[in-house]
Amino acid sequence: MDAAPADEPYAAGNVVFFASDGPLVFTIPVNAVLDDRAAERILRSFENWEVLQNIPRGRIITDERNPLTSLQLPIAEEHFEAMNKLLPPEVWLH
């Protein structure tokens, strides 16, 4: 996530998924130069924002059975509304 889930639990956000059969370790060099404070805050905190700490029971999603499109529809609609509020109409007309 690009913000801690507890900050705004129902807000639209960006989510990046990483998957592995073993632990994932992200090492950020101490001398890393980042674009701005927000980028640094996100990069140095995102490991603590794990979404699925307890994996719910259910069918495993595979290429053959992929319901993600329909599951993403509500968040896509929320994102669409947020972007239309954020950016003026002329952005979308070009």
PDB file of N, CA and C in Angstrom:
ATOM      1  N   MET A   1       0.849  -1.171   0.000  1.00  0.00           N
ATOM      2  CA  MET A   1       0.000   0.000   0.000  1.00  0.00           C
ATOM      3  C   MET A   1       0.890   1.227   0.000  1.00  0.00           C
ATOM      4  N   ASP A   2       0.345   2.338  -0.481  1.00  0.00           N
ATOM      5  CA  ASP A   2       1.119   3.565  -0.422  1.00  0.00           C
ATOM      6  C   ASP A   2       0.743   4.410   0.794  1.00  0.00           C
ATOM      7  N   ALA A   3       0.055   3.799   1.735  1.00  0.00           N
ATOM      8  CA  ALA A   3      -0.233   4.392   3.041  1.00  0.00           C
ATOM      9  C   ALA A   3      -0.552   3.255   3.996  1.00  0.00           C
ATOM     10  N   ALA A   4      -0.332   3.500   5.266  1.00  0.00           N
ATOM     11  CA  ALA A   4      -0.650   2.464   6.242  1.00  0.00           C
ATOM     12  C   ALA A   4      -2.146   2.173   6.181  1.00  0.00           C
ATOM     13  N   PRO A   5      -2.556   0.901   6.127  1.00  0.00           N
ATOM     14  CA  PRO A   5      -3.982   0.576   6.021  1.00  0.00           C
ATOM     15  C   PRO A   5      -4.832   1.205   7.126  1.00  0.00           C
ATOM     16  N   ALA A   6      -4.267   1.383   8.305  1.00  0.00           N
ATOM     17  CA  ALA A   6      -5.037   1.958   9.416  1.00  0.00           C
ATOM     18  C   ALA A   6      -5.288   3.452   9.235  1.00  0.00           C
ATOM     19  N   ASP A   7      -4.481   4.137   8.406  1.00  0.00           N
ATOM     20  CA  ASP A   7      -4.658   5.582   8.211  1.00  0.00           C
ATOM     21  C   ASP A   7      -6.036   5.890   7.654  1.00  0.00           C
ATOM     22  N   GLU A   8      -6.399   5.249   6.567  1.00  0.00           N
ATOM     23  CA  GLU A   8      -7.710   5.402   5.938  1.00  0.00           C
ATOM     24  C   GLU A   8      -8.105   4.033   5.396  1.00  0.00           C
ATOM     25  N   PRO A   9      -8.702   3.186   6.224  1.00  0.00           N
ATOM     26  CA  PRO A   9      -8.925   1.797   5.825  1.00  0.00           C
ATOM     27  C   PRO A   9      -9.783   1.603   4.575  1.00  0.00           C
ATOM     28  N   TYR A  10     -10.626   2.564   4.212  1.00  0.00           N
ATOM     29  CA  TYR A  10     -11.490   2.381   3.043  1.00  0.00           C
ATOM     30  C   TYR A  10     -11.110   3.299   1.888  1.00  0.00           C
ATOM     31  N   ALA A  11      -9.989   3.979   1.986  1.00  0.00           N
ATOM     32  CA  ALA A  11      -9.567   4.892   0.923  1.00  0.00           C
ATOM     33  C   ALA A  11      -8.936   4.109  -0.232  1.00  0.00           C
ATOM     34  N   ALA A  12      -9.069   4.671  -1.429  1.00  0.00           N
ATOM     35  CA  ALA A  12      -8.407   4.076  -2.591  1.00  0.00           C
ATOM     36  C   ALA A  12      -6.903   4.246  -2.419  1.00  0.00           C
ATOM     37  N   GLY A  13      -6.161   3.277  -2.855  1.00  0.00           N
ATOM     38  CA  GLY A  13      -4.712   3.360  -2.749  1.00  0.00           C
ATOM     39  C   GLY A  13      -4.065   2.428  -3.745  1.00  0.00           C
ATOM     40  N   ASN A  14      -2.773   2.531  -3.832  1.00  0.00           N
ATOM     41  CA  ASN A  14      -2.012   1.647  -4.701  1.00  0.00           C
ATOM     42  C   ASN A  14      -1.540   0.461  -3.887  1.00  0.00           C
ATOM     43  N   VAL A  15      -1.634  -0.727  -4.466  1.00  0.00           N
ATOM     44  CA  VAL A  15      -1.211  -1.941  -3.780  1.00  0.00           C
ATOM     45  C   VAL A  15      -0.228  -2.668  -4.689  1.00  0.00           C
ATOM     46  N   VAL A  16       0.884  -3.096  -4.103  1.00  0.00           N
ATOM     47  CA  VAL A  16       1.863  -3.901  -4.821  1.00  0.00           C
ATOM     48  C   VAL A  16       1.926  -5.252  -4.126  1.00  0.00           C
ATOM     49  N   PHE A  17       1.835  -6.331  -4.893  1.00  0.00           N
ATOM     50  CA  PHE A  17       1.871  -7.675  -4.333  1.00  0.00           C
ATOM     51  C   PHE A  17       3.236  -8.298  -4.571  1.00  0.00           C
ATOM     52  N   PHE A  18       3.778  -8.895  -3.546  1.00  0.00           N
ATOM     53  CA  PHE A  18       4.993  -9.690  -3.647  1.00  0.00           C
ATOM     54  C   PHE A  18       4.623 -11.069  -3.124  1.00  0.00           C
ATOM     55  N   ALA A  19       5.097 -12.105  -3.782  1.00  0.00           N
ATOM     56  CA  ALA A  19       4.772 -13.459  -3.348  1.00  0.00           C
ATOM     57  C   ALA A  19       6.037 -14.303  -3.346  1.00  0.00           C
ATOM     58  N   SER A  20       6.100 -15.188  -2.380  1.00  0.00           N
ATOM     59  CA  SER A  20       7.262 -16.064  -2.270  1.00  0.00           C
ATOM     60  C   SER A  20       6.895 -17.255  -1.402  1.00  0.00           C
ATOM     61  N   ASP A  21       7.590 -18.353  -1.591  1.00  0.00           N
ATOM     62  CA  ASP A  21       7.415 -19.503  -0.714  1.00  0.00           C
ATOM     63  C   ASP A  21       8.184 -19.321   0.595  1.00  0.00           C
ATOM     64  N   GLY A  22       9.036 -18.323   0.658  1.00  0.00           N
ATOM     65  CA  GLY A  22       9.827 -18.057   1.858  1.00  0.00           C
ATOM     66  C   GLY A  22       9.725 -16.593   2.239  1.00  0.00           C
ATOM     67  N   PRO A  23      10.405 -16.200   3.293  1.00  0.00           N
ATOM     68  CA  PRO A  23      10.363 -14.804   3.736  1.00  0.00           C
ATOM     69  C   PRO A  23      10.933 -13.867   2.671  1.00  0.00           C
ATOM     70  N   LEU A  24      10.349 -12.687   2.577  1.00  0.00           N
ATOM     71  CA  LEU A  24      10.857 -11.653   1.683  1.00  0.00           C
ATOM     72  C   LEU A  24      11.572 -10.609   2.522  1.00  0.00           C
ATOM     73  N   VAL A  25      12.756 -10.234   2.103  1.00  0.00           N
ATOM     74  CA  VAL A  25      13.521  -9.217   2.818  1.00  0.00           C
ATOM     75  C   VAL A  25      13.855  -8.110   1.826  1.00  0.00           C
ATOM     76  N   PHE A  26      13.453  -6.893   2.162  1.00  0.00           N
ATOM     77  CA  PHE A  26      13.739  -5.747   1.316  1.00  0.00           C
ATOM     78  C   PHE A  26      14.804  -4.905   2.003  1.00  0.00           C
ATOM     79  N   THR A  27      15.947  -4.814   1.371  1.00  0.00           N
ATOM     80  CA  THR A  27      17.045  -4.042   1.948  1.00  0.00           C
ATOM     81  C   THR A  27      17.141  -2.715   1.211  1.00  0.00           C
ATOM     82  N   ILE A  28      16.979  -1.642   1.964  1.00  0.00           N
ATOM     83  CA  ILE A  28      17.095  -0.304   1.398  1.00  0.00           C
ATOM     84  C   ILE A  28      18.455   0.236   1.835  1.00  0.00           C
ATOM     85  N   PRO A  29      19.326   0.557   0.900  1.00  0.00           N
ATOM     86  CA  PRO A  29      20.640   1.075   1.287  1.00  0.00           C
ATOM     87  C   PRO A  29      20.499   2.325   2.159  1.00  0.00           C
ATOM     88  N   VAL A  30      21.308   2.415   3.200  1.00  0.00           N
ATOM     89  CA  VAL A  30      21.212   3.565   4.102  1.00  0.00           C
ATOM     90  C   VAL A  30      21.528   4.871   3.381  1.00  0.00           C
ATOM     91  N   ASN A  31      22.299   4.801   2.314  1.00  0.00           N
ATOM     92  CA  ASN A  31      22.649   6.011   1.568  1.00  0.00           C
ATOM     93  C   ASN A  31      21.753   6.221   0.341  1.00  0.00           C
ATOM     94  N   ALA A  32      20.598   5.552   0.307  1.00  0.00           N
ATOM     95  CA  ALA A  32      19.670   5.696  -0.827  1.00  0.00           C
ATOM     96  C   ALA A  32      19.190   7.142  -0.916  1.00  0.00           C
ATOM     97  N   VAL A  33      19.181   7.677  -2.129  1.00  0.00           N
ATOM     98  CA  VAL A  33      18.681   9.029  -2.370  1.00  0.00           C
ATOM     99  C   VAL A  33      17.291   8.882  -2.984  1.00  0.00           C
ATOM    100  N   LEU A  34      16.289   9.430  -2.290  1.00  0.00           N
ATOM    101  CA  LEU A  34      14.910   9.292  -2.736  1.00  0.00           C
ATOM    102  C   LEU A  34      14.377  10.636  -3.212  1.00  0.00           C
ATOM    103  N   ASP A  35      13.327  10.604  -4.023  1.00  0.00           N
ATOM    104  CA  ASP A  35      12.798  11.820  -4.649  1.00  0.00           C
ATOM    105  C   ASP A  35      12.321  12.871  -3.650  1.00  0.00           C
ATOM    106  N   ASP A  36      11.634  12.434  -2.626  1.00  0.00           N
ATOM    107  CA  ASP A  36      11.088  13.390  -1.656  1.00  0.00           C
ATOM    108  C   ASP A  36      10.769  12.672  -0.355  1.00  0.00           C
ATOM    109  N   ARG A  37      10.297  13.431   0.626  1.00  0.00           N
ATOM    110  CA  ARG A  37       9.994  12.855   1.944  1.00  0.00           C
ATOM    111  C   ARG A  37       8.893  11.800   1.877  1.00  0.00           C
ATOM    112  N   ALA A  38       7.880  12.039   1.042  1.00  0.00           N
ATOM    113  CA  ALA A  38       6.778  11.072   0.934  1.00  0.00           C
ATOM    114  C   ALA A  38       7.302   9.741   0.405  1.00  0.00           C
ATOM    115  N   ALA A  39       8.138   9.785  -0.629  1.00  0.00           N
ATOM    116  CA  ALA A  39       8.710   8.558  -1.190  1.00  0.00           C
ATOM    117  C   ALA A  39       9.547   7.836  -0.144  1.00  0.00           C
ATOM    118  N   GLU A  40      10.309   8.584   0.614  1.00  0.00           N
ATOM    119  CA  GLU A  40      11.136   7.960   1.645  1.00  0.00           C
ATOM    120  C   GLU A  40      10.270   7.328   2.735  1.00  0.00           C
ATOM    121  N   ARG A  41       9.237   8.048   3.173  1.00  0.00           N
ATOM    122  CA  ARG A  41       8.343   7.526   4.213  1.00  0.00           C
ATOM    123  C   ARG A  41       7.698   6.215   3.754  1.00  0.00           C
ATOM    124  N   ILE A  42       7.224   6.204   2.515  1.00  0.00           N
ATOM    125  CA  ILE A  42       6.568   5.006   1.988  1.00  0.00           C
ATOM    126  C   ILE A  42       7.557   3.851   1.871  1.00  0.00           C
ATOM    127  N   LEU A  43       8.702   4.114   1.275  1.00  0.00           N
ATOM    128  CA  LEU A  43       9.685   3.055   1.057  1.00  0.00           C
ATOM    129  C   LEU A  43      10.177   2.463   2.368  1.00  0.00           C
ATOM    130  N   ARG A  44      10.400   3.302   3.352  1.00  0.00           N
ATOM    131  CA  ARG A  44      10.942   2.810   4.620  1.00  0.00           C
ATOM    132  C   ARG A  44       9.865   2.210   5.527  1.00  0.00           C
ATOM    133  N   SER A  45       8.593   2.365   5.176  1.00  0.00           N
ATOM    134  CA  SER A  45       7.512   1.870   6.036  1.00  0.00           C
ATOM    135  C   SER A  45       6.686   0.744   5.432  1.00  0.00           C
ATOM    136  N   PHE A  46       6.753   0.549   4.119  1.00  0.00           N
ATOM    137  CA  PHE A  46       5.763  -0.317   3.478  1.00  0.00           C
ATOM    138  C   PHE A  46       5.807  -1.762   3.949  1.00  0.00           C
ATOM    139  N   GLU A  47       6.935  -2.260   4.403  1.00  0.00           N
ATOM    140  CA  GLU A  47       6.973  -3.643   4.905  1.00  0.00           C
ATOM    141  C   GLU A  47       6.069  -3.821   6.125  1.00  0.00           C
ATOM    142  N   ASN A  48       5.856  -2.756   6.874  1.00  0.00           N
ATOM    143  CA  ASN A  48       5.011  -2.827   8.066  1.00  0.00           C
ATOM    144  C   ASN A  48       3.530  -2.758   7.728  1.00  0.00           C
ATOM    145  N   TRP A  49       3.193  -2.520   6.471  1.00  0.00           N
ATOM    146  CA  TRP A  49       1.808  -2.350   6.063  1.00  0.00           C
ATOM    147  C   TRP A  49       1.275  -3.605   5.380  1.00  0.00           C
ATOM    148  N   GLU A  50       1.754  -4.742   5.762  1.00  0.00           N
ATOM    149  CA  GLU A  50       1.328  -5.997   5.149  1.00  0.00           C
ATOM    150  C   GLU A  50      -0.184  -6.153   5.268  1.00  0.00           C
ATOM    151  N   VAL A  51      -0.813  -6.445   4.148  1.00  0.00           N
ATOM    152  CA  VAL A  51      -2.269  -6.519   4.105  1.00  0.00           C
ATOM    153  C   VAL A  51      -2.772  -7.865   4.606  1.00  0.00           C
ATOM    154  N   LEU A  52      -2.209  -8.941   4.105  1.00  0.00           N
ATOM    155  CA  LEU A  52      -2.688 -10.274   4.473  1.00  0.00           C
ATOM    156  C   LEU A  52      -1.743 -10.943   5.464  1.00  0.00           C
ATOM    157  N   GLN A  53      -1.828 -10.543   6.702  1.00  0.00           N
ATOM    158  CA  GLN A  53      -1.017 -11.203   7.717  1.00  0.00           C
ATOM    159  C   GLN A  53      -1.629 -12.540   8.084  1.00  0.00           C
ATOM    160  N   ASN A  54      -2.944 -12.626   8.010  1.00  0.00           N
ATOM    161  CA  ASN A  54      -3.656 -13.889   8.225  1.00  0.00           C
ATOM    162  C   ASN A  54      -4.403 -14.203   6.938  1.00  0.00           C
ATOM    163  N   ILE A  55      -3.985 -15.235   6.256  1.00  0.00           N
ATOM    164  CA  ILE A  55      -4.571 -15.568   4.961  1.00  0.00           C
ATOM    165  C   ILE A  55      -5.916 -16.257   5.179  1.00  0.00           C
ATOM    166  N   PRO A  56      -6.986 -15.689   4.617  1.00  0.00           N
ATOM    167  CA  PRO A  56      -8.302 -16.311   4.799  1.00  0.00           C
ATOM    168  C   PRO A  56      -8.409 -17.618   4.021  1.00  0.00           C
ATOM    169  N   ARG A  57      -9.283 -18.499   4.508  1.00  0.00           N
ATOM    170  CA  ARG A  57      -9.530 -19.750   3.795  1.00  0.00           C
ATOM    171  C   ARG A  57     -10.267 -19.447   2.497  1.00  0.00           C
ATOM    172  N   GLY A  58     -10.058 -20.262   1.523  1.00  0.00           N
ATOM    173  CA  GLY A  58     -10.760 -20.091   0.265  1.00  0.00           C
ATOM    174  C   GLY A  58     -10.006 -20.742  -0.873  1.00  0.00           C
ATOM    175  N   ARG A  59     -10.582 -20.640  -2.043  1.00  0.00           N
ATOM    176  CA  ARG A  59      -9.957 -21.227  -3.225  1.00  0.00           C
ATOM    177  C   ARG A  59      -8.745 -20.415  -3.627  1.00  0.00           C
ATOM    178  N   ILE A  60      -7.746 -21.079  -4.124  1.00  0.00           N
ATOM    179  CA  ILE A  60      -6.536 -20.413  -4.592  1.00  0.00           C
ATOM    180  C   ILE A  60      -6.808 -19.816  -5.959  1.00  0.00           C
ATOM    181  N   ILE A  61      -6.397 -18.586  -6.154  1.00  0.00           N
ATOM    182  CA  ILE A  61      -6.572 -17.906  -7.434  1.00  0.00           C
ATOM    183  C   ILE A  61      -5.457 -18.359  -8.365  1.00  0.00           C
ATOM    184  N   THR A  62      -5.849 -18.802  -9.533  1.00  0.00           N
ATOM    185  CA  THR A  62      -4.895 -19.237 -10.561  1.00  0.00           C
ATOM    186  C   THR A  62      -5.240 -18.537 -11.870  1.00  0.00           C
ATOM    187  N   ASP A  63      -4.413 -18.734 -12.884  1.00  0.00           N
ATOM    188  CA  ASP A  63      -4.715 -18.157 -14.190  1.00  0.00           C
ATOM    189  C   ASP A  63      -6.028 -18.702 -14.737  1.00  0.00           C
ATOM    190  N   GLU A  64      -6.320 -19.979 -14.458  1.00  0.00           N
ATOM    191  CA  GLU A  64      -7.543 -20.589 -14.954  1.00  0.00           C
ATOM    192  C   GLU A  64      -8.786 -20.078 -14.212  1.00  0.00           C
ATOM    193  N   ARG A  65      -8.629 -19.751 -12.960  1.00  0.00           N
ATOM    194  CA  ARG A  65      -9.748 -19.250 -12.143  1.00  0.00           C
ATOM    195  C   ARG A  65      -9.317 -17.931 -11.514  1.00  0.00           C
ATOM    196  N   ASN A  66      -9.559 -16.847 -12.236  1.00  0.00           N
ATOM    197  CA  ASN A  66      -9.092 -15.543 -11.788  1.00  0.00           C
ATOM    198  C   ASN A  66     -10.267 -14.572 -11.662  1.00  0.00           C
ATOM    199  N   PRO A  67     -10.798 -14.420 -10.451  1.00  0.00           N
ATOM    200  CA  PRO A  67     -11.927 -13.517 -10.243  1.00  0.00           C
ATOM    201  C   PRO A  67     -11.500 -12.080  -9.957  1.00  0.00           C
ATOM    202  N   LEU A  68     -10.214 -11.759 -10.129  1.00  0.00           N
ATOM    203  CA  LEU A  68      -9.729 -10.448  -9.710  1.00  0.00           C
ATOM    204  C   LEU A  68     -10.412  -9.286 -10.422  1.00  0.00           C
ATOM    205  N   THR A  69     -10.738  -9.450 -11.690  1.00  0.00           N
ATOM    206  CA  THR A  69     -11.399  -8.360 -12.405  1.00  0.00           C
ATOM    207  C   THR A  69     -12.695  -7.961 -11.712  1.00  0.00           C
ATOM    208  N   SER A  70     -13.526  -8.932 -11.403  1.00  0.00           N
ATOM    209  CA  SER A  70     -14.790  -8.599 -10.755  1.00  0.00           C
ATOM    210  C   SER A  70     -14.584  -8.144  -9.318  1.00  0.00           C
ATOM    211  N   LEU A  71     -13.589  -8.678  -8.638  1.00  0.00           N
ATOM    212  CA  LEU A  71     -13.324  -8.266  -7.257  1.00  0.00           C
ATOM    213  C   LEU A  71     -12.764  -6.842  -7.188  1.00  0.00           C
ATOM    214  N   GLN A  72     -12.085  -6.405  -8.249  1.00  0.00           N
ATOM    215  CA  GLN A  72     -11.474  -5.076  -8.263  1.00  0.00           C
ATOM    216  C   GLN A  72     -12.438  -3.980  -8.692  1.00  0.00           C
ATOM    217  N   LEU A  73     -13.603  -4.346  -9.179  1.00  0.00           N
ATOM    218  CA  LEU A  73     -14.537  -3.352  -9.699  1.00  0.00           C
ATOM    219  C   LEU A  73     -14.888  -2.258  -8.688  1.00  0.00           C
ATOM    220  N   PRO A  74     -15.245  -2.577  -7.444  1.00  0.00           N
ATOM    221  CA  PRO A  74     -15.586  -1.499  -6.502  1.00  0.00           C
ATOM    222  C   PRO A  74     -14.438  -0.510  -6.279  1.00  0.00           C
ATOM    223  N   ILE A  75     -13.219  -1.003  -6.144  1.00  0.00           N
ATOM    224  CA  ILE A  75     -12.088  -0.098  -5.925  1.00  0.00           C
ATOM    225  C   ILE A  75     -11.763   0.670  -7.204  1.00  0.00           C
ATOM    226  N   ALA A  76     -11.962   0.043  -8.362  1.00  0.00           N
ATOM    227  CA  ALA A  76     -11.736   0.747  -9.623  1.00  0.00           C
ATOM    228  C   ALA A  76     -12.719   1.903  -9.779  1.00  0.00           C
ATOM    229  N   GLU A  77     -13.967   1.667  -9.403  1.00  0.00           N
ATOM    230  CA  GLU A  77     -14.964   2.742  -9.474  1.00  0.00           C
ATOM    231  C   GLU A  77     -14.622   3.863  -8.501  1.00  0.00           C
ATOM    232  N   GLU A  78     -14.164   3.518  -7.300  1.00  0.00           N
ATOM    233  CA  GLU A  78     -13.768   4.530  -6.317  1.00  0.00           C
ATOM    234  C   GLU A  78     -12.566   5.323  -6.823  1.00  0.00           C
ATOM    235  N   HIS A  79     -11.622   4.624  -7.421  1.00  0.00           N
ATOM    236  CA  HIS A  79     -10.434   5.283  -7.979  1.00  0.00           C
ATOM    237  C   HIS A  79     -10.830   6.222  -9.121  1.00  0.00           C
ATOM    238  N   PHE A  80     -11.738   5.773  -9.974  1.00  0.00           N
ATOM    239  CA  PHE A  80     -12.230   6.590 -11.083  1.00  0.00           C
ATOM    240  C   PHE A  80     -12.842   7.889 -10.558  1.00  0.00           C
ATOM    241  N   GLU A  81     -13.680   7.782  -9.535  1.00  0.00           N
ATOM    242  CA  GLU A  81     -14.303   8.972  -8.940  1.00  0.00           C
ATOM    243  C   GLU A  81     -13.250   9.888  -8.325  1.00  0.00           C
ATOM    244  N   ALA A  82     -12.284   9.316  -7.615  1.00  0.00           N
ATOM    245  CA  ALA A  82     -11.232  10.118  -6.982  1.00  0.00           C
ATOM    246  C   ALA A  82     -10.411  10.862  -8.029  1.00  0.00           C
ATOM    247  N   MET A  83     -10.064  10.173  -9.126  1.00  0.00           N
ATOM    248  CA  MET A  83      -9.266  10.817 -10.177  1.00  0.00           C
ATOM    249  C   MET A  83     -10.051  11.927 -10.867  1.00  0.00           C
ATOM    250  N   ASN A  84     -11.359  11.733 -11.042  1.00  0.00           N
ATOM    251  CA  ASN A  84     -12.173  12.778 -11.658  1.00  0.00           C
ATOM    252  C   ASN A  84     -12.308  14.000 -10.766  1.00  0.00           C
ATOM    253  N   LYS A  85     -12.252  13.812  -9.461  1.00  0.00           N
ATOM    254  CA  LYS A  85     -12.275  14.951  -8.541  1.00  0.00           C
ATOM    255  C   LYS A  85     -10.909  15.643  -8.504  1.00  0.00           C
ATOM    256  N   LEU A  86      -9.854  14.858  -8.601  1.00  0.00           N
ATOM    257  CA  LEU A  86      -8.495  15.376  -8.490  1.00  0.00           C
ATOM    258  C   LEU A  86      -8.053  16.138  -9.737  1.00  0.00           C
ATOM    259  N   LEU A  87      -8.370  15.609 -10.910  1.00  0.00           N
ATOM    260  CA  LEU A  87      -7.888  16.188 -12.170  1.00  0.00           C
ATOM    261  C   LEU A  87      -9.036  16.854 -12.916  1.00  0.00           C
ATOM    262  N   PRO A  88      -8.763  17.983 -13.572  1.00  0.00           N
ATOM    263  CA  PRO A  88      -9.814  18.686 -14.306  1.00  0.00           C
ATOM    264  C   PRO A  88     -10.263  17.901 -15.550  1.00  0.00           C
ATOM    265  N   PRO A  89     -11.482  18.172 -16.032  1.00  0.00           N
ATOM    266  CA  PRO A  89     -12.016  17.441 -17.192  1.00  0.00           C
ATOM    267  C   PRO A  89     -11.127  17.483 -18.430  1.00  0.00           C
ATOM    268  N   GLU A  90     -10.415  18.598 -18.635  1.00  0.00           N
ATOM    269  CA  GLU A  90      -9.572  18.678 -19.850  1.00  0.00           C
ATOM    270  C   GLU A  90      -8.456  17.655 -19.874  1.00  0.00           C
ATOM    271  N   VAL A  91      -8.051  17.133 -18.726  1.00  0.00           N
ATOM    272  CA  VAL A  91      -7.032  16.081 -18.686  1.00  0.00           C
ATOM    273  C   VAL A  91      -7.549  14.824 -19.371  1.00  0.00           C
ATOM    274  N   TRP A  92      -8.812  14.522 -19.163  1.00  0.00           N
ATOM    275  CA  TRP A  92      -9.401  13.305 -19.696  1.00  0.00           C
ATOM    276  C   TRP A  92      -9.821  13.438 -21.147  1.00  0.00           C
ATOM    277  N   LEU A  93      -9.923  14.644 -21.653  1.00  0.00           N
ATOM    278  CA  LEU A  93     -10.396  14.865 -23.020  1.00  0.00           C
ATOM    279  C   LEU A  93      -9.277  14.827 -24.052  1.00  0.00           C
ATOM    280  N   HIS A  94      -8.032  14.777 -23.623  1.00  0.00           N
ATOM    281  CA  HIS A  94      -6.918  14.775 -24.578  1.00  0.00           C
ATOM    282  C   HIS A  94      -6.408  13.394 -24.824  1.00  0.00           C
TER     283      HIS A  94
END
